[in-house]
Amino acid sequence: PPAVKVTRKDSQEGLETLLCQVHGFYPKEIDVTWRKDGKVRQEDVFRGVVCPNPDGTYYTWLSIEIDPKDRSRYLCHVEHDGVPDPLDVAVEDSGERLQGRALGAFVGWEEV
């Protein structure tokens, strides 16, 4: 089954970027979306391409720029054949933040 992790970092103009990383899934087909209050969000979303891992599984990522005060309303929603029910993952409570350059290190930006 896919492993899902959601982290955050400060962005421009008081906004925040949430990053959903999905690792270790097979087969390659996967559906990852951001949901706000249960509704799919497509504005301000960037999607990484699905890439292979050395072990034959796959990984991908999805980010969205949000107002920090709305953070608790967002979930990363993952549907995959490896799990019977969809996964909904919120940002980690640890307050873990990515370094500002970490998001730019990902390849395959594709605006949706």
Protein backbone atom coordinates (compact mmCIF):
# COMPACT_ATOMS: atom_id res chain seq x y z
CA PRO A 1 0.00 0.00 0.00
CA PRO A 2 1.14 3.58 -0.54
CA ALA A 3 2.84 5.50 2.28
CA VAL A 4 1.51 9.07 2.47
CA LYS A 5 3.12 12.05 4.20
CA VAL A 6 1.92 15.67 4.21
CA THR A 7 4.30 18.48 5.19
CA ARG A 8 4.14 22.26 4.95
CA LYS A 9 6.36 25.26 4.33
CA ASP A 10 5.92 29.00 4.35
CA SER A 11 5.29 30.48 0.92
CA GLN A 12 4.98 33.98 -0.51
CA GLU A 13 2.71 36.74 0.75
CA GLY A 14 1.74 34.98 3.97
CA LEU A 15 0.59 31.82 2.21
CA GLU A 16 1.69 28.27 2.91
CA THR A 17 2.50 25.33 0.64
CA LEU A 18 1.30 21.85 1.57
CA LEU A 19 3.19 18.94 0.03
CA CYS A 20 1.71 15.44 -0.18
CA GLN A 21 4.32 12.75 -0.88
CA VAL A 22 3.15 9.26 -1.83
CA HIS A 23 5.72 6.44 -1.84
CA GLY A 24 6.04 2.70 -2.32
CA PHE A 25 2.95 1.91 -4.35
CA TYR A 26 2.38 -0.67 -7.09
CA PRO A 27 0.82 -0.80 -9.64
CA LYS A 28 1.68 2.61 -11.09
CA GLU A 29 -1.91 3.85 -11.45
CA ILE A 30 -2.90 6.13 -8.57
CA ASP A 31 -5.31 9.01 -7.96
CA VAL A 32 -4.04 11.77 -5.64
CA THR A 33 -6.07 14.94 -5.02
CA TRP A 34 -6.30 17.77 -2.50
CA ARG A 35 -9.65 18.09 -0.76
CA LYS A 36 -10.88 21.11 1.16
CA ASP A 37 -13.90 20.35 3.33
CA GLY A 38 -14.30 17.12 1.33
CA LYS A 39 -14.40 18.80 -2.10
CA VAL A 40 -11.68 18.30 -4.72
CA ARG A 41 -9.49 21.39 -5.20
CA GLN A 42 -7.67 22.03 -8.47
CA GLU A 43 -6.70 25.70 -8.16
CA ASP A 44 -3.09 26.42 -7.13
CA VAL A 45 -2.24 22.71 -7.36
CA PHE A 46 1.01 21.34 -8.78
CA ARG A 47 1.38 17.64 -9.54
CA GLY A 48 4.56 15.60 -9.86
CA VAL A 49 4.89 12.85 -12.40
CA VAL A 50 4.69 9.24 -11.19
CA CYS A 51 8.29 7.95 -11.03
CA PRO A 52 9.76 4.48 -10.43
CA ASN A 53 11.69 3.50 -7.28
CA PRO A 54 14.65 1.08 -7.50
CA ASP A 55 12.54 -1.64 -5.82
CA GLY A 56 9.89 -1.63 -8.57
CA THR A 57 7.36 0.50 -6.68
CA TYR A 58 6.45 4.09 -7.57
CA TYR A 59 6.29 7.53 -5.97
CA THR A 60 4.64 10.86 -6.74
CA TRP A 61 3.75 14.14 -5.05
CA LEU A 62 1.13 16.88 -5.09
CA SER A 63 1.35 20.40 -3.66
CA ILE A 64 -1.10 23.23 -3.08
CA GLU A 65 -0.73 26.84 -1.92
CA ILE A 66 -3.18 27.77 0.83
CA ASP A 67 -4.03 30.33 3.48
CA PRO A 68 -2.48 28.94 6.71
CA LYS A 69 -5.65 29.62 8.70
CA ASP A 70 -7.46 27.06 6.49
CA ARG A 71 -4.79 24.35 6.94
CA SER A 72 -6.98 22.02 9.02
CA ARG A 73 -9.60 21.97 6.23
CA TYR A 74 -7.25 20.30 3.71
CA LEU A 75 -6.61 16.58 3.22
CA CYS A 76 -4.48 14.71 0.72
CA HIS A 77 -6.84 12.10 -0.76
CA VAL A 78 -5.25 8.94 -2.21
CA GLU A 79 -7.04 6.17 -4.10
CA HIS A 80 -5.01 3.09 -5.09
CA ASP A 81 -5.61 -0.61 -5.73
CA GLY A 82 -3.26 -1.41 -2.82
CA VAL A 83 -5.76 -0.10 -0.24
CA PRO A 84 -9.43 -1.10 0.02
CA ASP A 85 -10.58 2.38 1.10
CA PRO A 86 -9.24 5.81 0.08
CA LEU A 87 -6.63 7.40 2.36
CA ASP A 88 -7.18 10.93 3.69
CA VAL A 89 -4.06 12.43 5.26
CA ALA A 90 -3.79 15.80 7.02
CA VAL A 91 -0.65 17.88 7.52
CA GLU A 92 1.50 16.46 10.31
CA ASP A 93 0.88 18.03 13.71
CA SER A 94 4.59 18.09 14.51
CA GLY A 95 4.82 21.39 12.69
CA GLU A 96 7.51 19.90 10.48
CA ARG A 97 8.37 22.27 7.69
CA LEU A 98 10.29 21.74 4.51
CA GLN A 99 13.27 23.92 3.76
CA GLY A 100 12.36 26.62 1.27
CA ARG A 101 14.38 25.03 -1.51
CA ALA A 102 13.01 21.49 -1.01
CA LEU A 103 9.95 21.98 -3.19
CA GLY A 104 12.06 23.21 -6.10
CA ALA A 105 14.10 20.02 -5.98
CA PHE A 106 11.21 17.97 -7.33
CA VAL A 107 11.08 17.44 -11.07
CA GLY A 108 8.11 17.18 -13.36
CA TRP A 109 6.04 20.17 -12.23
CA GLU A 110 2.71 20.07 -13.97
CA GLU A 111 0.02 22.59 -13.15
CA VAL A 112 -3.51 21.18 -13.09
